Protein backbone atom coordinates (compact mmCIF):
# COMPACT_ATOMS: atom_id res chain seq x y z
CA ALA A 1 14.31 13.14 15.11
CA VAL A 2 15.80 9.47 14.31
CA ILE A 3 17.13 9.09 18.03
CA TYR A 4 13.56 10.29 19.52
CA LEU A 5 11.73 7.80 17.14
CA ALA A 6 14.23 4.99 18.38
CA LEU A 7 13.87 5.85 22.03
CA ALA A 8 10.02 6.09 21.92
CA PRO A 9 7.67 3.49 23.44
CA LYS A 10 6.43 1.22 21.01
CA SER A 11 3.20 -0.17 20.30
CA ASN A 12 1.03 -1.77 17.52
CA SER A 13 -2.34 -1.64 19.30
CA ALA A 14 -4.01 0.39 16.76
CA TYR A 15 -2.31 -2.02 13.68
CA LEU A 16 -3.57 -5.06 15.45
CA ALA A 17 -6.84 -3.22 16.15
CA VAL A 18 -7.25 -2.59 12.17
CA GLU A 19 -6.48 -6.43 11.61
CA ARG A 20 -9.04 -7.53 14.23
CA ALA A 21 -11.71 -5.52 12.36
CA ILE A 22 -10.53 -6.64 8.94
CA GLU A 23 -10.86 -10.46 10.11
CA ASP A 24 -14.26 -9.62 11.24
CA VAL A 25 -15.17 -8.13 7.85
CA GLU A 26 -13.52 -11.18 6.15
CA LYS A 27 -14.91 -14.26 8.28
CA LYS A 28 -18.09 -13.13 10.07
CA GLU A 29 -21.45 -11.78 9.20
CA THR A 30 -20.75 -8.09 10.31
CA GLY A 31 -24.45 -6.67 9.73
CA GLN A 32 -25.44 -3.51 8.26
CA VAL A 33 -24.64 0.13 9.41
CA PRO A 34 -27.05 1.19 12.14
CA LEU A 35 -29.94 3.11 10.74
CA HIS A 36 -29.46 6.20 13.00
CA LEU A 37 -25.73 6.29 11.37
CA ARG A 38 -26.77 6.11 7.65
CA ASP A 39 -26.58 8.87 5.62
CA ALA A 40 -29.90 11.14 5.69
CA SER A 41 -28.94 14.07 3.69
CA TYR A 42 -30.83 12.52 0.16
CA TYR A 43 -34.28 12.66 -0.68
CA GLY A 44 -36.16 9.82 0.74
CA ALA A 45 -33.44 8.57 3.24
CA LYS A 46 -35.29 9.89 6.18
CA SER A 47 -38.93 7.88 5.02
CA PHE A 48 -36.06 4.55 5.63
CA GLY A 49 -35.23 5.91 9.41
CA HIS A 50 -31.68 7.08 8.25
CA GLY A 51 -30.45 9.17 10.76
CA ARG A 52 -33.17 9.06 12.83
CA GLY A 53 -32.21 9.18 16.91
CA TYR A 54 -28.66 10.21 16.12
CA LYS A 55 -26.99 12.02 18.71
CA TYR A 56 -24.22 14.60 17.50
CA PRO A 57 -21.38 14.19 20.03
CA HIS A 58 -20.27 17.92 19.32
CA ASP A 59 -23.87 19.01 21.09
CA TYR A 60 -22.67 16.90 24.33
CA PRO A 61 -19.92 18.02 27.34
CA GLY A 62 -16.93 16.88 26.78
CA GLY A 63 -18.04 15.98 22.74
CA PHE A 64 -18.92 12.44 23.73
CA VAL A 65 -22.19 11.03 23.68
CA ALA A 66 -23.15 7.29 24.56
CA GLN A 67 -24.33 5.96 21.52
CA GLU A 68 -24.15 2.51 19.72
CA TYR A 69 -21.67 2.78 16.68
CA LEU A 70 -21.30 -0.85 15.65
CA PRO A 71 -23.97 -3.35 14.15
CA GLU A 72 -25.98 -5.62 16.44
CA GLU A 73 -23.79 -8.76 15.55
CA LEU A 74 -20.82 -6.93 16.29
CA ARG A 75 -21.93 -5.06 19.63
CA GLY A 76 -19.66 -5.84 22.53
CA THR A 77 -16.81 -6.05 20.28
CA THR A 78 -13.71 -4.23 21.20
CA TYR A 79 -10.91 -4.06 18.73
CA TYR A 80 -8.33 -1.41 20.08
CA HIS A 81 -6.49 -2.68 23.25
CA PRO A 82 -4.18 0.38 24.24
CA THR A 83 -0.94 -0.54 25.91
CA ASP A 84 0.25 1.04 29.32
CA ARG A 85 3.56 2.45 27.58
CA GLY A 86 4.14 5.92 26.64
CA ALA A 87 1.37 8.56 25.45
CA GLU A 88 -0.97 5.46 24.90
CA ALA A 89 -1.18 4.92 28.62
CA THR A 90 -3.05 8.46 28.42
CA LEU A 91 -5.54 7.14 25.78
CA LYS A 92 -5.82 4.10 27.81
CA GLU A 93 -7.03 5.98 30.47
CA ARG A 94 -9.30 8.16 28.75
CA LEU A 95 -10.94 5.52 26.78
CA LEU A 96 -11.69 3.63 30.40
CA ARG A 97 -13.21 6.73 31.72
CA LEU A 98 -15.34 6.66 28.41
CA ARG A 99 -16.44 3.03 28.78
CA GLN A 100 -17.19 3.62 32.34
CA PHE A 101 -19.49 6.82 31.05
CA ARG A 102 -21.28 4.55 28.55
CA GLY A 103 -21.77 1.86 31.48
CA LYS A 104 -19.47 -0.69 29.51
């Protein structure tokens, strides 16, 4: 296991994504959670618009649906930038396909 880990391709992309997100939370006006993502399970929540228009990804082909998850103030922000190394290269390809599907 030690040799495998020592020789495995390295990436800090996930770490950097979290750091960028934390920096935005600390230094920017990040806005509110979009209404369609807010908890609609408690009494009266739906009267506030919570959950309205939410698309459940598991109900869509491939478990993916084009839906906005970021607040308006952060739309277009990308935190995760995968590398071309190791298994992350496969993740990068999938992410690019999903972004094309979304039209971004």
